[in-house]
N, C-alpha and C. Protein backbone atom coordinates (compact mmCIF):
# COMPACT_ATOMS: atom_id res chain seq x y z
N MET A 1 -87.19 41.66 111.04
CA MET A 1 -85.82 42.08 110.10
C MET A 1 -86.24 43.33 109.39
N GLN A 2 -85.62 44.75 109.43
CA GLN A 2 -85.45 46.06 108.41
C GLN A 2 -84.00 45.66 107.34
N ILE A 3 -84.46 45.85 105.92
CA ILE A 3 -83.24 45.47 105.85
C ILE A 3 -82.66 47.03 105.11
N MET A 4 -81.89 47.17 105.35
CA MET A 4 -81.45 48.82 105.06
C MET A 4 -80.56 49.44 103.64
N PRO A 5 -81.52 50.13 103.18
CA PRO A 5 -80.61 50.47 101.98
C PRO A 5 -79.87 50.46 101.97
N VAL A 6 -78.20 51.01 100.61
CA VAL A 6 -77.84 50.72 100.21
C VAL A 6 -77.19 52.18 100.37
N ASP A 7 -77.11 53.21 100.62
CA ASP A 7 -76.72 54.14 100.23
C ASP A 7 -75.02 54.72 100.12
N ARG A 8 -74.21 54.16 99.91
CA ARG A 8 -72.76 54.44 100.33
C ARG A 8 -71.54 53.62 100.00
N CYS A 9 -70.72 53.86 100.10
CA CYS A 9 -69.00 53.14 100.68
C CYS A 9 -69.27 52.98 101.86
N VAL A 10 -69.01 51.62 102.35
CA VAL A 10 -69.25 51.41 103.77
C VAL A 10 -67.88 51.62 104.18
N CYS A 11 -67.56 51.04 103.55
CA CYS A 11 -65.63 50.76 103.81
C CYS A 11 -65.01 52.11 103.86
N LEU A 12 -65.72 53.07 102.98
CA LEU A 12 -65.09 54.60 103.28
C LEU A 12 -65.53 55.55 103.68
N SER A 13 -67.11 54.68 104.35
CA SER A 13 -67.70 56.26 104.55
C SER A 13 -68.44 57.37 103.26
N LEU A 14 -67.95 56.83 101.74
CA LEU A 14 -68.16 57.65 101.34
C LEU A 14 -70.25 58.28 100.97
N THR A 15 -70.75 58.63 101.43
CA THR A 15 -72.04 58.32 100.81
C THR A 15 -72.36 58.54 98.91
N PHE A 16 -73.23 57.88 98.52
CA PHE A 16 -73.37 58.04 97.00
C PHE A 16 -73.75 59.56 96.43
N ASP A 17 -74.78 60.06 97.37
CA ASP A 17 -74.94 61.72 96.73
C ASP A 17 -73.63 62.24 96.79
N SER A 18 -72.75 62.18 97.93
CA SER A 18 -71.21 62.93 97.66
C SER A 18 -70.74 62.55 96.48
N LEU A 19 -70.73 61.33 96.08
CA LEU A 19 -70.13 60.39 95.04
C LEU A 19 -69.98 61.04 93.91
N LYS A 20 -72.21 60.85 93.61
CA LYS A 20 -72.72 61.49 92.12
C LYS A 20 -72.02 62.75 92.40
N ALA A 21 -71.96 63.73 93.17
CA ALA A 21 -71.56 65.61 92.63
C ALA A 21 -70.08 65.82 92.41
N THR A 22 -69.52 64.64 93.08
CA THR A 22 -68.08 64.68 92.88
C THR A 22 -67.88 64.30 91.44
N ALA A 23 -68.46 62.84 90.77
CA ALA A 23 -68.25 62.60 89.66
C ALA A 23 -68.95 63.50 88.38
N ALA A 24 -70.42 64.30 88.91
CA ALA A 24 -70.78 65.15 88.26
C ALA A 24 -69.61 66.86 87.60
N ALA A 25 -69.28 66.96 88.78
CA ALA A 25 -69.03 68.14 89.07
C ALA A 25 -66.95 68.22 87.99
N LYS A 26 -66.63 66.85 88.44
CA LYS A 26 -65.29 66.85 87.78
C LYS A 26 -65.45 65.52 86.13
N SER A 27 -66.74 65.45 85.80
CA SER A 27 -67.30 64.66 84.40
C SER A 27 -66.29 63.51 84.22
N LEU A 28 -66.29 62.53 86.05
CA LEU A 28 -65.67 61.28 85.84
C LEU A 28 -66.96 60.51 85.65
N ASP A 29 -65.69 59.71 84.41
CA ASP A 29 -66.35 57.66 84.91
C ASP A 29 -65.71 57.12 86.39
N PHE A 30 -66.28 55.54 86.07
CA PHE A 30 -66.36 54.96 87.62
C PHE A 30 -64.45 54.58 87.69
N ASP A 31 -64.02 54.42 86.56
CA ASP A 31 -62.89 54.37 86.40
C ASP A 31 -61.80 55.05 87.96
N ALA A 32 -62.51 56.95 87.25
CA ALA A 32 -61.87 57.69 86.91
C ALA A 32 -62.41 57.79 88.71
N LEU A 33 -63.79 58.20 89.00
CA LEU A 33 -64.12 58.22 90.30
C LEU A 33 -63.36 57.75 91.18
N LYS A 34 -62.93 56.53 91.36
CA LYS A 34 -62.71 55.23 91.85
C LYS A 34 -61.22 55.32 91.89
N GLN A 35 -60.16 56.20 91.04
CA GLN A 35 -59.50 56.37 91.38
C GLN A 35 -59.27 57.87 92.26
N ALA A 36 -59.85 58.87 91.85
CA ALA A 36 -59.98 60.38 92.74
C ALA A 36 -60.65 60.27 94.02
N THR A 37 -61.62 59.00 94.85
CA THR A 37 -62.50 59.18 95.21
C THR A 37 -61.74 58.33 96.47
N GLY A 38 -61.74 57.20 95.94
CA GLY A 38 -61.09 55.40 96.98
C GLY A 38 -61.85 54.60 96.89
N CYS A 39 -63.25 55.66 95.86
CA CYS A 39 -64.39 54.73 96.51
C CYS A 39 -63.99 53.01 95.94
N SER A 40 -64.77 52.04 96.66
CA SER A 40 -64.97 50.97 95.29
C SER A 40 -63.29 50.08 95.81
N THR A 41 -62.43 50.87 96.27
CA THR A 41 -61.01 50.26 97.11
C THR A 41 -61.17 49.26 97.64
N GLY A 42 -62.10 49.11 99.16
CA GLY A 42 -62.06 48.34 99.59
C GLY A 42 -62.47 46.53 99.51
N CYS A 43 -64.04 46.80 100.10
CA CYS A 43 -64.69 45.28 99.86
C CYS A 43 -64.74 44.50 98.28
N THR A 44 -65.18 46.33 97.71
CA THR A 44 -65.40 46.28 96.68
C THR A 44 -66.84 46.39 96.25
N MET A 45 -67.51 45.63 97.66
CA MET A 45 -69.33 45.61 96.82
C MET A 45 -70.41 46.43 96.34
N CYS A 46 -69.52 47.89 96.74
CA CYS A 46 -70.40 49.30 96.28
C CYS A 46 -69.91 49.46 95.16
N GLU A 47 -69.83 48.47 94.50
CA GLU A 47 -69.04 49.22 92.59
C GLU A 47 -70.68 48.13 91.33
N PRO A 48 -71.11 47.43 91.80
CA PRO A 48 -72.08 47.77 91.03
C PRO A 48 -73.61 48.61 91.46
N TYR A 49 -72.95 49.01 92.86
CA TYR A 49 -74.41 50.84 93.34
C TYR A 49 -73.54 52.09 92.66
N ILE A 50 -72.22 51.63 92.72
CA ILE A 50 -72.12 53.05 91.95
C ILE A 50 -72.15 53.07 90.16
N ARG A 51 -72.15 52.68 90.06
CA ARG A 51 -72.04 52.03 88.41
C ARG A 51 -73.27 51.50 88.29
N LEU A 52 -74.57 51.65 88.60
CA LEU A 52 -76.36 52.29 88.82
C LEU A 52 -76.20 53.83 88.55
N MET A 53 -75.43 53.98 89.96
CA MET A 53 -75.96 55.59 90.65
C MET A 53 -75.35 56.53 89.13
N LEU A 54 -73.91 56.45 88.55
CA LEU A 54 -73.80 57.30 87.31
C LEU A 54 -74.37 57.34 86.31
N ALA A 55 -75.40 55.39 85.86
CA ALA A 55 -75.91 55.58 85.43
C ALA A 55 -77.62 55.78 85.51
N THR A 56 -77.81 55.93 86.29
CA THR A 56 -78.61 56.41 86.71
C THR A 56 -79.47 57.59 87.44
N GLY A 57 -78.42 57.78 88.10
CA GLY A 57 -78.50 59.22 88.50
C GLY A 57 -78.97 59.40 90.23
N GLN A 58 -79.80 57.84 90.58
CA GLN A 58 -80.01 57.37 91.72
C GLN A 58 -78.88 56.98 92.76
N THR A 59 -79.32 57.51 94.23
CA THR A 59 -78.48 57.96 95.13
C THR A 59 -78.83 56.41 96.41
N CYS A 60 -79.31 55.79 96.32
CA CYS A 60 -79.65 54.96 96.91
C CYS A 60 -81.16 53.90 96.64
N PHE A 61 -80.39 52.10 97.37
CA PHE A 61 -80.85 51.05 96.62
C PHE A 61 -81.09 50.52 97.27
N GLN A 62 -82.16 49.26 97.79
CA GLN A 62 -82.73 48.32 97.54
C GLN A 62 -80.75 47.28 97.40
N PRO A 63 -81.09 46.36 97.88
CA PRO A 63 -79.67 45.52 98.24
C PRO A 63 -79.82 44.34 96.93
N LEU A 64 -79.05 44.70 96.19
CA LEU A 64 -79.42 43.98 95.35
C LEU A 64 -79.04 42.13 95.62
N PRO A 65 -79.30 41.27 94.27
CA PRO A 65 -78.87 39.76 94.60
C PRO A 65 -77.82 39.79 94.01
N PRO A 66 -77.42 38.65 94.46
CA PRO A 66 -76.02 38.75 94.44
C PRO A 66 -75.22 38.11 92.89
N SER A 67 -74.44 38.70 92.30
CA SER A 67 -74.71 39.77 90.92
C SER A 67 -74.38 37.69 90.31
N GLY A 68 -74.25 37.12 90.76
CA GLY A 68 -74.44 35.88 89.36
C GLY A 68 -75.87 35.41 89.30
N SER A 69 -76.59 36.63 89.66
CA SER A 69 -78.37 36.29 89.33
C SER A 69 -78.49 37.56 88.26
N ARG A 70 -77.57 38.28 88.63
CA ARG A 70 -77.79 39.23 87.68
C ARG A 70 -77.27 39.55 86.71
N PRO A 71 -77.04 38.83 85.03
CA PRO A 71 -76.38 38.40 83.84
C PRO A 71 -75.82 40.30 83.72
N GLU A 72 -76.34 41.64 84.12
CA GLU A 72 -75.74 42.47 83.95
C GLU A 72 -74.28 42.84 84.85
N LEU A 73 -74.80 42.27 85.23
CA LEU A 73 -73.71 42.75 86.57
C LEU A 73 -72.21 41.62 86.52
N ALA A 74 -72.61 40.42 85.95
CA ALA A 74 -71.50 39.61 85.62
C ALA A 74 -70.11 40.31 84.59
N PRO A 75 -69.15 39.50 84.91
CA PRO A 75 -68.01 39.86 84.03
C PRO A 75 -68.02 39.03 82.45
N PRO A 76 -67.78 40.51 81.42
CA PRO A 76 -67.72 39.71 80.07
C PRO A 76 -67.38 38.91 80.22
N ALA A 77 -67.31 37.73 79.26
CA ALA A 77 -67.23 36.84 78.22
C ALA A 77 -65.73 36.46 78.56
N SER A 78 -64.93 35.52 78.54
CA SER A 78 -63.47 35.34 78.16
C SER A 78 -63.55 34.91 76.92
N ARG A 79 -62.49 35.90 75.81
CA ARG A 79 -62.16 35.66 75.03
C ARG A 79 -62.25 34.06 74.27
N PRO A 80 -62.42 33.94 72.80
CA PRO A 80 -63.06 32.21 72.86
C PRO A 80 -61.54 31.50 72.80
N ALA A 81 -61.30 31.06 72.72
CA ALA A 81 -59.70 29.91 72.53
C ALA A 81 -59.39 30.32 71.04
N THR A 82 -58.08 30.26 70.98
CA THR A 82 -57.73 30.25 69.55
C THR A 82 -57.45 29.30 68.74
N GLN A 83 -58.16 28.82 68.13
CA GLN A 83 -57.91 27.65 66.93
C GLN A 83 -55.83 27.39 66.30
N VAL A 84 -55.87 26.35 66.74
CA VAL A 84 -54.69 25.86 65.67
C VAL A 84 -54.88 25.33 64.56
N PRO A 85 -54.67 26.06 63.60
CA PRO A 85 -54.41 26.12 62.15
C PRO A 85 -54.08 24.40 61.98
N ARG A 86 -54.95 23.69 61.56
CA ARG A 86 -55.28 21.97 60.87
C ARG A 86 -53.98 21.97 59.40
N PRO A 87 -52.57 20.55 59.93
CA PRO A 87 -52.32 21.05 59.03
C PRO A 87 -52.51 20.74 57.53
């Protein structure tokens, strides 16, 4: 079985090459690129790839392992619980 490289936002059929060009031309970060193009607003599976594209310039990737096994893609830790002062 051949593994297909990841090179686009599948939901909107936006290639990472085109997203990279848009981001560069308009100096967009991830959130601004998402707002401008709609990328990563469907299934959101392309988000880690788009973030890597913006960080590295790479536009074609091997499939990543699930986010739970990639600490750099995990959501930030929640804030610690507020402590109640002792009387």
